[in-house]
Amino acid sequence: MGSLSSLFDLATFAILVFVFATPPDLFRTGWFAESIATQILVIFIIRTHGPAWMSRPHPVLIATSLCALAAALVLVVSPIATIFGFVPVPTGLTLTILVIVLAYLACAEIAKGVADRAVRT
């Protein structure tokens, strides 16, 4: 998962810098949102050997993970966001970040399956 995460880190950096030409404050905000979302949501992928959607996580895991994600994302859009150097994210960039997160999760599910098969052989 480390290699996959690094690959998506580089892709996110490239998109933020070369596609959106983000200034430092917008880069920081977009990077934080993408990072926190991928790292919290990947928990649901790596918690089981089988496909993530075939195994229901414990309600406490769901609640704590999604509450942590919601708190982090609310921080980005709250009045105290400026304390952390966060700025509003334009809609196009928000949608791009969402696509990056979904792509990362799909690739993590695939990588998990590949790694699991490699270990079993």
PDB file of N, CA and C in Angstrom:
ATOM      1  N   MET A   1       0.817  -1.198   0.000  1.00  0.00           N
ATOM      2  CA  MET A   1       0.000   0.000   0.000  1.00  0.00           C
ATOM      3  C   MET A   1       0.861   1.263   0.000  1.00  0.00           C
ATOM      4  N   GLY A   2       2.065   1.152   0.548  1.00  0.00           N
ATOM      5  CA  GLY A   2       2.942   2.319   0.598  1.00  0.00           C
ATOM      6  C   GLY A   2       3.300   2.830  -0.779  1.00  0.00           C
ATOM      7  N   SER A   3       3.620   1.925  -1.682  1.00  0.00           N
ATOM      8  CA  SER A   3       3.962   2.332  -3.057  1.00  0.00           C
ATOM      9  C   SER A   3       2.768   2.965  -3.753  1.00  0.00           C
ATOM     10  N   LEU A   4       1.605   2.363  -3.559  1.00  0.00           N
ATOM     11  CA  LEU A   4       0.390   2.908  -4.167  1.00  0.00           C
ATOM     12  C   LEU A   4       0.094   4.298  -3.610  1.00  0.00           C
ATOM     13  N   SER A   5       0.223   4.443  -2.312  1.00  0.00           N
ATOM     14  CA  SER A   5      -0.008   5.747  -1.681  1.00  0.00           C
ATOM     15  C   SER A   5       0.968   6.790  -2.220  1.00  0.00           C
ATOM     16  N   SER A   6       2.220   6.407  -2.364  1.00  0.00           N
ATOM     17  CA  SER A   6       3.225   7.339  -2.901  1.00  0.00           C
ATOM     18  C   SER A   6       2.917   7.730  -4.331  1.00  0.00           C
ATOM     19  N   LEU A   7       2.473   6.772  -5.123  1.00  0.00           N
ATOM     20  CA  LEU A   7       2.096   7.061  -6.512  1.00  0.00           C
ATOM     21  C   LEU A   7       0.951   8.067  -6.566  1.00  0.00           C
ATOM     22  N   PHE A   8      -0.035   7.879  -5.718  1.00  0.00           N
ATOM     23  CA  PHE A   8      -1.159   8.822  -5.684  1.00  0.00           C
ATOM     24  C   PHE A   8      -0.749  10.167  -5.099  1.00  0.00           C
ATOM     25  N   ASP A   9       0.205  10.170  -4.165  1.00  0.00           N
ATOM     26  CA  ASP A   9       0.739  11.436  -3.656  1.00  0.00           C
ATOM     27  C   ASP A   9       1.347  12.240  -4.807  1.00  0.00           C
ATOM     28  N   LEU A  10       2.178  11.579  -5.592  1.00  0.00           N
ATOM     29  CA  LEU A  10       2.825  12.271  -6.718  1.00  0.00           C
ATOM     30  C   LEU A  10       1.800  12.741  -7.748  1.00  0.00           C
ATOM     31  N   ALA A  11       0.822  11.911  -8.021  1.00  0.00           N
ATOM     32  CA  ALA A  11      -0.227  12.299  -8.975  1.00  0.00           C
ATOM     33  C   ALA A  11      -1.016  13.500  -8.455  1.00  0.00           C
ATOM     34  N   THR A  12      -1.327  13.482  -7.166  1.00  0.00           N
ATOM     35  CA  THR A  12      -2.067  14.601  -6.576  1.00  0.00           C
ATOM     36  C   THR A  12      -1.235  15.879  -6.624  1.00  0.00           C
ATOM     37  N   PHE A  13       0.044  15.773  -6.265  1.00  0.00           N
ATOM     38  CA  PHE A  13       0.937  16.937  -6.368  1.00  0.00           C
ATOM     39  C   PHE A  13       0.921  17.494  -7.789  1.00  0.00           C
ATOM     40  N   ALA A  14       1.087  16.620  -8.775  1.00  0.00           N
ATOM     41  CA  ALA A  14       1.139  17.051 -10.171  1.00  0.00           C
ATOM     42  C   ALA A  14      -0.156  17.722 -10.594  1.00  0.00           C
ATOM     43  N   ILE A  15      -1.273  17.158 -10.206  1.00  0.00           N
ATOM     44  CA  ILE A  15      -2.573  17.745 -10.567  1.00  0.00           C
ATOM     45  C   ILE A  15      -2.745  19.110  -9.906  1.00  0.00           C
ATOM     46  N   LEU A  16      -2.406  19.200  -8.633  1.00  0.00           N
ATOM     47  CA  LEU A  16      -2.550  20.476  -7.928  1.00  0.00           C
ATOM     48  C   LEU A  16      -1.649  21.555  -8.523  1.00  0.00           C
ATOM     49  N   VAL A  17      -0.431  21.183  -8.870  1.00  0.00           N
ATOM     50  CA  VAL A  17       0.535  22.172  -9.365  1.00  0.00           C
ATOM     51  C   VAL A  17       0.356  22.453 -10.851  1.00  0.00           C
ATOM     52  N   PHE A  18       0.315  21.405 -11.668  1.00  0.00           N
ATOM     53  CA  PHE A  18       0.353  21.598 -13.123  1.00  0.00           C
ATOM     54  C   PHE A  18      -1.011  21.763 -13.780  1.00  0.00           C
ATOM     55  N   VAL A  19      -2.037  21.129 -13.232  1.00  0.00           N
ATOM     56  CA  VAL A  19      -3.369  21.256 -13.829  1.00  0.00           C
ATOM     57  C   VAL A  19      -4.103  22.467 -13.265  1.00  0.00           C
ATOM     58  N   PHE A  20      -4.073  22.606 -11.935  1.00  0.00           N
ATOM     59  CA  PHE A  20      -4.818  23.693 -11.301  1.00  0.00           C
ATOM     60  C   PHE A  20      -3.960  24.899 -10.941  1.00  0.00           C
ATOM     61  N   ALA A  21      -2.648  24.772 -11.048  1.00  0.00           N
ATOM     62  CA  ALA A  21      -1.726  25.870 -10.718  1.00  0.00           C
ATOM     63  C   ALA A  21      -2.095  26.514  -9.380  1.00  0.00           C
ATOM     64  N   THR A  22      -2.262  25.671  -8.374  1.00  0.00           N
ATOM     65  CA  THR A  22      -2.717  26.163  -7.078  1.00  0.00           C
ATOM     66  C   THR A  22      -1.640  26.971  -6.358  1.00  0.00           C
ATOM     67  N   PRO A  23      -2.035  28.079  -5.759  1.00  0.00           N
ATOM     68  CA  PRO A  23      -1.114  28.798  -4.876  1.00  0.00           C
ATOM     69  C   PRO A  23      -0.927  27.974  -3.598  1.00  0.00           C
ATOM     70  N   PRO A  24       0.076  28.288  -2.792  1.00  0.00           N
ATOM     71  CA  PRO A  24       0.380  27.459  -1.616  1.00  0.00           C
ATOM     72  C   PRO A  24      -0.803  27.204  -0.671  1.00  0.00           C
ATOM     73  N   ASP A  25      -1.631  28.209  -0.415  1.00  0.00           N
ATOM     74  CA  ASP A  25      -2.744  27.993   0.519  1.00  0.00           C
ATOM     75  C   ASP A  25      -3.789  27.035  -0.037  1.00  0.00           C
ATOM     76  N   LEU A  26      -4.071  27.113  -1.331  1.00  0.00           N
ATOM     77  CA  LEU A  26      -5.023  26.189  -1.948  1.00  0.00           C
ATOM     78  C   LEU A  26      -4.409  24.795  -2.082  1.00  0.00           C
ATOM     79  N   PHE A  27      -3.109  24.732  -2.388  1.00  0.00           N
ATOM     80  CA  PHE A  27      -2.413  23.438  -2.428  1.00  0.00           C
ATOM     81  C   PHE A  27      -2.532  22.757  -1.068  1.00  0.00           C
ATOM     82  N   ARG A  28      -2.255  23.493  -0.002  1.00  0.00           N
ATOM     83  CA  ARG A  28      -2.312  22.958   1.364  1.00  0.00           C
ATOM     84  C   ARG A  28      -3.703  22.419   1.670  1.00  0.00           C
ATOM     85  N   THR A  29      -4.717  23.190   1.299  1.00  0.00           N
ATOM     86  CA  THR A  29      -6.096  22.796   1.581  1.00  0.00           C
ATOM     87  C   THR A  29      -6.483  21.548   0.795  1.00  0.00           C
ATOM     88  N   GLY A  30      -6.206  21.558  -0.496  1.00  0.00           N
ATOM     89  CA  GLY A  30      -6.540  20.407  -1.336  1.00  0.00           C
ATOM     90  C   GLY A  30      -5.786  19.162  -0.922  1.00  0.00           C
ATOM     91  N   TRP A  31      -4.499  19.333  -0.633  1.00  0.00           N
ATOM     92  CA  TRP A  31      -3.673  18.203  -0.211  1.00  0.00           C
ATOM     93  C   TRP A  31      -4.179  17.614   1.101  1.00  0.00           C
ATOM     94  N   PHE A  32      -4.531  18.478   2.059  1.00  0.00           N
ATOM     95  CA  PHE A  32      -5.043  18.003   3.336  1.00  0.00           C
ATOM     96  C   PHE A  32      -6.330  17.206   3.131  1.00  0.00           C
ATOM     97  N   ALA A  33      -7.261  17.749   2.365  1.00  0.00           N
ATOM     98  CA  ALA A  33      -8.545  17.073   2.146  1.00  0.00           C
ATOM     99  C   ALA A  33      -8.348  15.717   1.474  1.00  0.00           C
ATOM    100  N   GLU A  34      -7.503  15.676   0.456  1.00  0.00           N
ATOM    101  CA  GLU A  34      -7.256  14.409  -0.255  1.00  0.00           C
ATOM    102  C   GLU A  34      -6.556  13.415   0.660  1.00  0.00           C
ATOM    103  N   SER A  35      -5.570  13.860   1.378  1.00  0.00           N
ATOM    104  CA  SER A  35      -4.799  12.957   2.249  1.00  0.00           C
ATOM    105  C   SER A  35      -5.645  12.375   3.361  1.00  0.00           C
ATOM    106  N   ILE A  36      -6.405  13.223   4.024  1.00  0.00           N
ATOM    107  CA  ILE A  36      -7.201  12.740   5.146  1.00  0.00           C
ATOM    108  C   ILE A  36      -8.275  11.779   4.664  1.00  0.00           C
ATOM    109  N   ALA A  37      -8.878  12.079   3.519  1.00  0.00           N
ATOM    110  CA  ALA A  37      -9.924  11.197   2.985  1.00  0.00           C
ATOM    111  C   ALA A  37      -9.356   9.837   2.593  1.00  0.00           C
ATOM    112  N   THR A  38      -8.243   9.817   1.874  1.00  0.00           N
ATOM    113  CA  THR A  38      -7.695   8.529   1.448  1.00  0.00           C
ATOM    114  C   THR A  38      -7.224   7.706   2.634  1.00  0.00           C
ATOM    115  N   GLN A  39      -6.559   8.334   3.585  1.00  0.00           N
ATOM    116  CA  GLN A  39      -5.986   7.572   4.693  1.00  0.00           C
ATOM    117  C   GLN A  39      -7.037   7.078   5.679  1.00  0.00           C
ATOM    118  N   ILE A  40      -8.126   7.790   5.812  1.00  0.00           N
ATOM    119  CA  ILE A  40      -9.204   7.288   6.682  1.00  0.00           C
ATOM    120  C   ILE A  40     -10.027   6.235   5.943  1.00  0.00           C
ATOM    121  N   LEU A  41     -10.386   6.481   4.714  1.00  0.00           N
ATOM    122  CA  LEU A  41     -11.252   5.551   3.995  1.00  0.00           C
ATOM    123  C   LEU A  41     -10.566   4.242   3.620  1.00  0.00           C
ATOM    124  N   VAL A  42      -9.235   4.260   3.453  1.00  0.00           N
ATOM    125  CA  VAL A  42      -8.535   3.015   3.104  1.00  0.00           C
ATOM    126  C   VAL A  42      -8.642   1.996   4.242  1.00  0.00           C
ATOM    127  N   ILE A  43      -8.957   2.440   5.431  1.00  0.00           N
ATOM    128  CA  ILE A  43      -9.177   1.522   6.551  1.00  0.00           C
ATOM    129  C   ILE A  43     -10.221   0.474   6.180  1.00  0.00           C
ATOM    130  N   PHE A  44     -11.253   0.905   5.467  1.00  0.00           N
ATOM    131  CA  PHE A  44     -12.332  -0.020   5.092  1.00  0.00           C
ATOM    132  C   PHE A  44     -11.875  -1.031   4.041  1.00  0.00           C
ATOM    133  N   ILE A  45     -10.838  -0.698   3.300  1.00  0.00           N
ATOM    134  CA  ILE A  45     -10.304  -1.605   2.280  1.00  0.00           C
ATOM    135  C   ILE A  45      -9.380  -2.639   2.925  1.00  0.00           C
ATOM    136  N   ILE A  46      -8.462  -2.192   3.762  1.00  0.00           N
ATOM    137  CA  ILE A  46      -7.417  -3.083   4.262  1.00  0.00           C
ATOM    138  C   ILE A  46      -7.824  -3.896   5.492  1.00  0.00           C
ATOM    139  N   ARG A  47      -9.008  -3.705   5.993  1.00  0.00           N
ATOM    140  CA  ARG A  47      -9.421  -4.406   7.205  1.00  0.00           C
ATOM    141  C   ARG A  47      -9.815  -5.855   6.964  1.00  0.00           C
ATOM    142  N   THR A  48      -9.935  -6.266   5.723  1.00  0.00           N
ATOM    143  CA  THR A  48     -10.378  -7.617   5.409  1.00  0.00           C
ATOM    144  C   THR A  48      -9.621  -8.154   4.196  1.00  0.00           C
ATOM    145  N   HIS A  49      -9.486  -9.474   4.118  1.00  0.00           N
ATOM    146  CA  HIS A  49      -8.811 -10.079   2.962  1.00  0.00           C
ATOM    147  C   HIS A  49      -9.694 -10.047   1.709  1.00  0.00           C
ATOM    148  N   GLY A  50     -10.970 -10.200   1.887  1.00  0.00           N
ATOM    149  CA  GLY A  50     -11.889 -10.227   0.749  1.00  0.00           C
ATOM    150  C   GLY A  50     -12.244  -8.824   0.291  1.00  0.00           C
ATOM    151  N   PRO A  51     -13.110  -8.750  -0.704  1.00  0.00           N
ATOM    152  CA  PRO A  51     -13.567  -7.429  -1.161  1.00  0.00           C
ATOM    153  C   PRO A  51     -14.223  -6.645  -0.015  1.00  0.00           C
ATOM    154  N   ALA A  52     -13.906  -5.387   0.065  1.00  0.00           N
ATOM    155  CA  ALA A  52     -14.378  -4.550   1.179  1.00  0.00           C
ATOM    156  C   ALA A  52     -15.897  -4.534   1.277  1.00  0.00           C
ATOM    157  N   TRP A  53     -16.568  -4.569   0.162  1.00  0.00           N
ATOM    158  CA  TRP A  53     -18.020  -4.469   0.158  1.00  0.00           C
ATOM    159  C   TRP A  53     -18.696  -5.779   0.581  1.00  0.00           C
ATOM    160  N   MET A  54     -17.923  -6.864   0.711  1.00  0.00           N
ATOM    161  CA  MET A  54     -18.491  -8.162   1.089  1.00  0.00           C
ATOM    162  C   MET A  54     -18.474  -8.380   2.599  1.00  0.00           C
ATOM    163  N   SER A  55     -17.838  -7.516   3.347  1.00  0.00           N
ATOM    164  CA  SER A  55     -17.715  -7.685   4.788  1.00  0.00           C
ATOM    165  C   SER A  55     -18.136  -6.390   5.470  1.00  0.00           C
ATOM    166  N   ARG A  56     -19.112  -6.505   6.328  1.00  0.00           N
ATOM    167  CA  ARG A  56     -19.619  -5.314   7.013  1.00  0.00           C
ATOM    168  C   ARG A  56     -18.706  -4.956   8.195  1.00  0.00           C
ATOM    169  N   PRO A  57     -18.191  -3.718   8.207  1.00  0.00           N
ATOM    170  CA  PRO A  57     -17.352  -3.304   9.343  1.00  0.00           C
ATOM    171  C   PRO A  57     -18.191  -3.131  10.604  1.00  0.00           C
ATOM    172  N   HIS A  58     -17.531  -3.187  11.719  1.00  0.00           N
ATOM    173  CA  HIS A  58     -18.202  -2.968  13.003  1.00  0.00           C
ATOM    174  C   HIS A  58     -18.744  -1.543  13.029  1.00  0.00           C
ATOM    175  N   PRO A  59     -19.929  -1.355  13.592  1.00  0.00           N
ATOM    176  CA  PRO A  59     -20.507  -0.012  13.651  1.00  0.00           C
ATOM    177  C   PRO A  59     -19.604   1.031  14.318  1.00  0.00           C
ATOM    178  N   VAL A  60     -18.816   0.611  15.294  1.00  0.00           N
ATOM    179  CA  VAL A  60     -17.916   1.556  15.956  1.00  0.00           C
ATOM    180  C   VAL A  60     -16.837   2.032  14.983  1.00  0.00           C
ATOM    181  N   LEU A  61     -16.318   1.119  14.162  1.00  0.00           N
ATOM    182  CA  LEU A  61     -15.324   1.512  13.157  1.00  0.00           C
ATOM    183  C   LEU A  61     -15.939   2.488  12.161  1.00  0.00           C
ATOM    184  N   ILE A  62     -17.135   2.185  11.715  1.00  0.00           N
ATOM    185  CA  ILE A  62     -17.813   3.088  10.772  1.00  0.00           C
ATOM    186  C   ILE A  62     -18.003   4.467  11.404  1.00  0.00           C
ATOM    187  N   ALA A  63     -18.550   4.487  12.601  1.00  0.00           N
ATOM    188  CA  ALA A  63     -18.846   5.764  13.263  1.00  0.00           C
ATOM    189  C   ALA A  63     -17.589   6.579  13.535  1.00  0.00           C
ATOM    190  N   THR A  64     -16.567   5.946  14.095  1.00  0.00           N
ATOM    191  CA  THR A  64     -15.367   6.708  14.447  1.00  0.00           C
ATOM    192  C   THR A  64     -14.614   7.178  13.211  1.00  0.00           C
ATOM    193  N   SER A  65     -14.530   6.330  12.208  1.00  0.00           N
ATOM    194  CA  SER A  65     -13.813   6.711  10.988  1.00  0.00           C
ATOM    195  C   SER A  65     -14.523   7.839  10.254  1.00  0.00           C
ATOM    196  N   LEU A  66     -15.825   7.689  10.073  1.00  0.00           N
ATOM    197  CA  LEU A  66     -16.564   8.715   9.337  1.00  0.00           C
ATOM    198  C   LEU A  66     -16.689  10.010  10.135  1.00  0.00           C
ATOM    199  N   CYS A  67     -16.764   9.909  11.448  1.00  0.00           N
ATOM    200  CA  CYS A  67     -16.779  11.137  12.272  1.00  0.00           C
ATOM    201  C   CYS A  67     -15.434  11.854  12.194  1.00  0.00           C
ATOM    202  N   ALA A  68     -14.345  11.099  12.203  1.00  0.00           N
ATOM    203  CA  ALA A  68     -13.021  11.720  12.071  1.00  0.00           C
ATOM    204  C   ALA A  68     -12.885  12.403  10.715  1.00  0.00           C
ATOM    205  N   LEU A  69     -13.351  11.742   9.666  1.00  0.00           N
ATOM    206  CA  LEU A  69     -13.303  12.332   8.323  1.00  0.00           C
ATOM    207  C   LEU A  69     -14.172  13.586   8.262  1.00  0.00           C
ATOM    208  N   ALA A  70     -15.378  13.494   8.783  1.00  0.00           N
ATOM    209  CA  ALA A  70     -16.277  14.655   8.771  1.00  0.00           C
ATOM    210  C   ALA A  70     -15.677  15.824   9.551  1.00  0.00           C
ATOM    211  N   ALA A  71     -15.092  15.534  10.708  1.00  0.00           N
ATOM    212  CA  ALA A  71     -14.478  16.601  11.518  1.00  0.00           C
ATOM    213  C   ALA A  71     -13.342  17.271  10.755  1.00  0.00           C
ATOM    214  N   ALA A  72     -12.519  16.473  10.093  1.00  0.00           N
ATOM    215  CA  ALA A  72     -11.397  17.038   9.337  1.00  0.00           C
ATOM    216  C   ALA A  72     -11.896  17.887   8.175  1.00  0.00           C
ATOM    217  N   LEU A  73     -12.910  17.409   7.478  1.00  0.00           N
ATOM    218  CA  LEU A  73     -13.419  18.162   6.328  1.00  0.00           C
ATOM    219  C   LEU A  73     -14.193  19.405   6.760  1.00  0.00           C
ATOM    220  N   VAL A  74     -14.884  19.329   7.884  1.00  0.00           N
ATOM    221  CA  VAL A  74     -15.558  20.513   8.415  1.00  0.00           C
ATOM    222  C   VAL A  74     -14.516  21.559   8.800  1.00  0.00           C
ATOM    223  N   LEU A  75     -13.406  21.110   9.337  1.00  0.00           N
ATOM    224  CA  LEU A  75     -12.317  22.025   9.688  1.00  0.00           C
ATOM    225  C   LEU A  75     -11.875  22.843   8.468  1.00  0.00           C
ATOM    226  N   VAL A  76     -11.852  22.203   7.307  1.00  0.00           N
ATOM    227  CA  VAL A  76     -11.415  22.863   6.081  1.00  0.00           C
ATOM    228  C   VAL A  76     -12.364  23.991   5.680  1.00  0.00           C
ATOM    229  N   VAL A  77     -13.644  23.825   5.961  1.00  0.00           N
ATOM    230  CA  VAL A  77     -14.631  24.821   5.516  1.00  0.00           C
ATOM    231  C   VAL A  77     -15.164  25.703   6.644  1.00  0.00           C
ATOM    232  N   SER A  78     -14.684  25.480   7.854  1.00  0.00           N
ATOM    233  CA  SER A  78     -15.193  26.250   8.995  1.00  0.00           C
ATOM    234  C   SER A  78     -14.504  27.614   9.089  1.00  0.00           C
ATOM    235  N   PRO A  79     -15.043  28.477   9.925  1.00  0.00           N
ATOM    236  CA  PRO A  79     -14.414  29.793  10.113  1.00  0.00           C
ATOM    237  C   PRO A  79     -12.981  29.724  10.656  1.00  0.00           C
ATOM    238  N   ILE A  80     -12.621  28.641  11.345  1.00  0.00           N
ATOM    239  CA  ILE A  80     -11.254  28.548  11.867  1.00  0.00           C
ATOM    240  C   ILE A  80     -10.270  27.974  10.839  1.00  0.00           C
ATOM    241  N   ALA A  81     -10.740  27.712   9.644  1.00  0.00           N
ATOM    242  CA  ALA A  81      -9.872  27.156   8.596  1.00  0.00           C
ATOM    243  C   ALA A  81      -8.657  28.043   8.349  1.00  0.00           C
ATOM    244  N   THR A  82      -8.838  29.338   8.443  1.00  0.00           N
ATOM    245  CA  THR A  82      -7.732  30.259   8.161  1.00  0.00           C
ATOM    246  C   THR A  82      -6.590  30.127   9.167  1.00  0.00           C
ATOM    247  N   ILE A  83      -6.900  29.676  10.366  1.00  0.00           N
ATOM    248  CA  ILE A  83      -5.851  29.455  11.369  1.00  0.00           C
ATOM    249  C   ILE A  83      -4.839  28.428  10.852  1.00  0.00           C
ATOM    250  N   PHE A  84      -5.340  27.464  10.099  1.00  0.00           N
ATOM    251  CA  PHE A  84      -4.495  26.400   9.564  1.00  0.00           C
ATOM    252  C   PHE A  84      -4.009  26.691   8.149  1.00  0.00           C
ATOM    253  N   GLY A  85      -4.353  27.868   7.640  1.00  0.00           N
ATOM    254  CA  GLY A  85      -3.933  28.251   6.302  1.00  0.00           C
ATOM    255  C   GLY A  85      -4.789  27.643   5.203  1.00  0.00           C
ATOM    256  N   PHE A  86      -6.006  27.203   5.550  1.00  0.00           N
ATOM    257  CA  PHE A  86      -6.907  26.625   4.564  1.00  0.00           C
ATOM    258  C   PHE A  86      -7.744  27.716   3.914  1.00  0.00           C
ATOM    259  N   VAL A  87      -8.077  27.502   2.645  1.00  0.00           N
ATOM    260  CA  VAL A  87      -8.904  28.437   1.888  1.00  0.00           C
ATOM    261  C   VAL A  87     -10.009  27.644   1.197  1.00  0.00           C
ATOM    262  N   PRO A  88     -11.064  28.316   0.746  1.00  0.00           N
ATOM    263  CA  PRO A  88     -12.129  27.608   0.024  1.00  0.00           C
ATOM    264  C   PRO A  88     -11.578  26.922  -1.235  1.00  0.00           C
ATOM    265  N   VAL A  89     -12.084  25.728  -1.482  1.00  0.00           N
ATOM    266  CA  VAL A  89     -11.654  24.943  -2.644  1.00  0.00           C
ATOM    267  C   VAL A  89     -12.709  25.093  -3.738  1.00  0.00           C
ATOM    268  N   PRO A  90     -12.292  25.527  -4.935  1.00  0.00           N
ATOM    269  CA  PRO A  90     -13.248  25.658  -6.041  1.00  0.00           C
ATOM    270  C   PRO A  90     -13.902  24.313  -6.384  1.00  0.00           C
ATOM    271  N   THR A  91     -15.082  24.376  -6.933  1.00  0.00           N
ATOM    272  CA  THR A  91     -15.849  23.174  -7.254  1.00  0.00           C
ATOM    273  C   THR A  91     -15.088  22.202  -8.143  1.00  0.00           C
ATOM    274  N   GLY A  92     -14.434  22.700  -9.176  1.00  0.00           N
ATOM    275  CA  GLY A  92     -13.696  21.822 -10.078  1.00  0.00           C
ATOM    276  C   GLY A  92     -12.603  21.047  -9.362  1.00  0.00           C
ATOM    277  N   LEU A  93     -11.909  21.706  -8.477  1.00  0.00           N
ATOM    278  CA  LEU A  93     -10.856  21.035  -7.717  1.00  0.00           C
ATOM    279  C   LEU A  93     -11.454  20.063  -6.702  1.00  0.00           C
ATOM    280  N   THR A  94     -12.566  20.428  -6.097  1.00  0.00           N
ATOM    281  CA  THR A  94     -13.242  19.524  -5.162  1.00  0.00           C
ATOM    282  C   THR A  94     -13.643  18.234  -5.867  1.00  0.00           C
ATOM    283  N   LEU A  95     -14.208  18.356  -7.050  1.00  0.00           N
ATOM    284  CA  LEU A  95     -14.607  17.168  -7.816  1.00  0.00           C
ATOM    285  C   LEU A  95     -13.393  16.343  -8.221  1.00  0.00           C
ATOM    286  N   THR A  96     -12.308  16.996  -8.563  1.00  0.00           N
ATOM    287  CA  THR A  96     -11.076  16.295  -8.925  1.00  0.00           C
ATOM    288  C   THR A  96     -10.531  15.530  -7.731  1.00  0.00           C
ATOM    289  N   ILE A  97     -10.554  16.144  -6.565  1.00  0.00           N
ATOM    290  CA  ILE A  97     -10.095  15.468  -5.349  1.00  0.00           C
ATOM    291  C   ILE A  97     -10.967  14.256  -5.069  1.00  0.00           C
ATOM    292  N   LEU A  98     -12.265  14.388  -5.253  1.00  0.00           N
ATOM    293  CA  LEU A  98     -13.171  13.261  -5.060  1.00  0.00           C
ATOM    294  C   LEU A  98     -12.825  12.111  -6.015  1.00  0.00           C
ATOM    295  N   VAL A  99     -12.542  12.428  -7.262  1.00  0.00           N
ATOM    296  CA  VAL A  99     -12.156  11.401  -8.242  1.00  0.00           C
ATOM    297  C   VAL A  99     -10.838  10.739  -7.832  1.00  0.00           C
ATOM    298  N   ILE A 100      -9.882  11.532  -7.374  1.00  0.00           N
ATOM    299  CA  ILE A 100      -8.593  10.977  -6.919  1.00  0.00           C
ATOM    300  C   ILE A 100      -8.816  10.015  -5.747  1.00  0.00           C
ATOM    301  N   VAL A 101      -9.640  10.407  -4.795  1.00  0.00           N
ATOM    302  CA  VAL A 101      -9.910   9.555  -3.634  1.00  0.00           C
ATOM    303  C   VAL A 101     -10.564   8.250  -4.071  1.00  0.00           C
ATOM    304  N   LEU A 102     -11.564   8.335  -4.938  1.00  0.00           N
ATOM    305  CA  LEU A 102     -12.240   7.123  -5.409  1.00  0.00           C
ATOM    306  C   LEU A 102     -11.295   6.225  -6.212  1.00  0.00           C
ATOM    307  N   ALA A 103     -10.455   6.827  -7.030  1.00  0.00           N
ATOM    308  CA  ALA A 103      -9.475   6.049  -7.798  1.00  0.00           C
ATOM    309  C   ALA A 103      -8.483   5.361  -6.869  1.00  0.00           C
ATOM    310  N   TYR A 104      -8.031   6.077  -5.843  1.00  0.00           N
ATOM    311  CA  TYR A 104      -7.114   5.482  -4.872  1.00  0.00           C
ATOM    312  C   TYR A 104      -7.756   4.286  -4.183  1.00  0.00           C
ATOM    313  N   LEU A 105      -8.996   4.433  -3.758  1.00  0.00           N
ATOM    314  CA  LEU A 105      -9.669   3.337  -3.062  1.00  0.00           C
ATOM    315  C   LEU A 105      -9.860   2.138  -3.983  1.00  0.00           C
ATOM    316  N   ALA A 106     -10.211   2.378  -5.235  1.00  0.00           N
ATOM    317  CA  ALA A 106     -10.361   1.280  -6.201  1.00  0.00           C
ATOM    318  C   ALA A 106      -9.021   0.580  -6.423  1.00  0.00           C
ATOM    319  N   CYS A 107      -7.970   1.348  -6.588  1.00  0.00           N
ATOM    320  CA  CYS A 107      -6.633   0.765  -6.791  1.00  0.00           C
ATOM    321  C   CYS A 107      -6.156   0.033  -5.537  1.00  0.00           C
ATOM    322  N   ALA A 108      -6.497   0.549  -4.355  1.00  0.00           N
ATOM    323  CA  ALA A 108      -6.124  -0.126  -3.113  1.00  0.00           C
ATOM    324  C   ALA A 108      -6.819  -1.477  -3.006  1.00  0.00           C
ATOM    325  N   GLU A 109      -8.054  -1.534  -3.418  1.00  0.00           N
ATOM    326  CA  GLU A 109      -8.789  -2.807  -3.406  1.00  0.00           C
ATOM    327  C   GLU A 109      -8.138  -3.800  -4.371  1.00  0.00           C
ATOM    328  N   ILE A 110      -7.767  -3.334  -5.540  1.00  0.00           N
ATOM    329  CA  ILE A 110      -7.086  -4.197  -6.515  1.00  0.00           C
ATOM    330  C   ILE A 110      -5.726  -4.644  -5.991  1.00  0.00           C
ATOM    331  N   ALA A 111      -4.957  -3.713  -5.451  1.00  0.00           N
ATOM    332  CA  ALA A 111      -3.628  -4.038  -4.919  1.00  0.00           C
ATOM    333  C   ALA A 111      -3.723  -5.031  -3.770  1.00  0.00           C
ATOM    334  N   LYS A 112      -4.739  -4.887  -2.942  1.00  0.00           N
ATOM    335  CA  LYS A 112      -4.936  -5.824  -1.842  1.00  0.00           C
ATOM    336  C   LYS A 112      -5.162  -7.227  -2.380  1.00  0.00           C
ATOM    337  N   GLY A 113      -5.979  -7.337  -3.411  1.00  0.00           N
ATOM    338  CA  GLY A 113      -6.232  -8.641  -4.012  1.00  0.00           C
ATOM    339  C   GLY A 113      -4.982  -9.250  -4.629  1.00  0.00           C
ATOM    340  N   VAL A 114      -4.208  -8.436  -5.320  1.00  0.00           N
ATOM    341  CA  VAL A 114      -2.956  -8.912  -5.931  1.00  0.00           C
ATOM    342  C   VAL A 114      -1.976  -9.368  -4.856  1.00  0.00           C
ATOM    343  N   ALA A 115      -1.822  -8.581  -3.813  1.00  0.00           N
ATOM    344  CA  ALA A 115      -0.897  -8.931  -2.733  1.00  0.00           C
ATOM    345  C   ALA A 115      -1.367 -10.200  -2.013  1.00  0.00           C
ATOM    346  N   ASP A 116      -2.650 -10.316  -1.796  1.00  0.00           N
ATOM    347  CA  ASP A 116      -3.185 -11.487  -1.117  1.00  0.00           C
ATOM    348  C   ASP A 116      -2.946 -12.753  -1.943  1.00  0.00           C
ATOM    349  N   ARG A 117      -3.147 -12.672  -3.250  1.00  0.00           N
ATOM    350  CA  ARG A 117      -2.887 -13.835  -4.123  1.00  0.00           C
ATOM    351  C   ARG A 117      -1.416 -14.182  -4.154  1.00  0.00           C
ATOM    352  N   ALA A 118      -0.543 -13.178  -4.135  1.00  0.00           N
ATOM    353  CA  ALA A 118       0.903 -13.421  -4.158  1.00  0.00           C
ATOM    354  C   ALA A 118       1.347 -14.128  -2.879  1.00  0.00           C
ATOM    355  N   VAL A 119       0.770 -13.759  -1.767  1.00  0.00           N
ATOM    356  CA  VAL A 119       1.131 -14.373  -0.493  1.00  0.00           C
ATOM    357  C   VAL A 119       0.668 -15.823  -0.448  1.00  0.00           C
ATOM    358  N   ARG A 120      -0.468 -16.100  -1.039  1.00  0.00           N
ATOM    359  CA  ARG A 120      -1.035 -17.452  -1.002  1.00  0.00           C
ATOM    360  C   ARG A 120      -0.340 -18.420  -1.940  1.00  0.00           C
ATOM    361  N   THR A 121       0.434 -17.929  -2.909  1.00  0.00           N
ATOM    362  CA  THR A 121       1.095 -18.849  -3.852  1.00  0.00           C
ATOM    363  C   THR A 121       2.493 -19.186  -3.437  1.00  0.00           C
TER     364      THR A 121
END
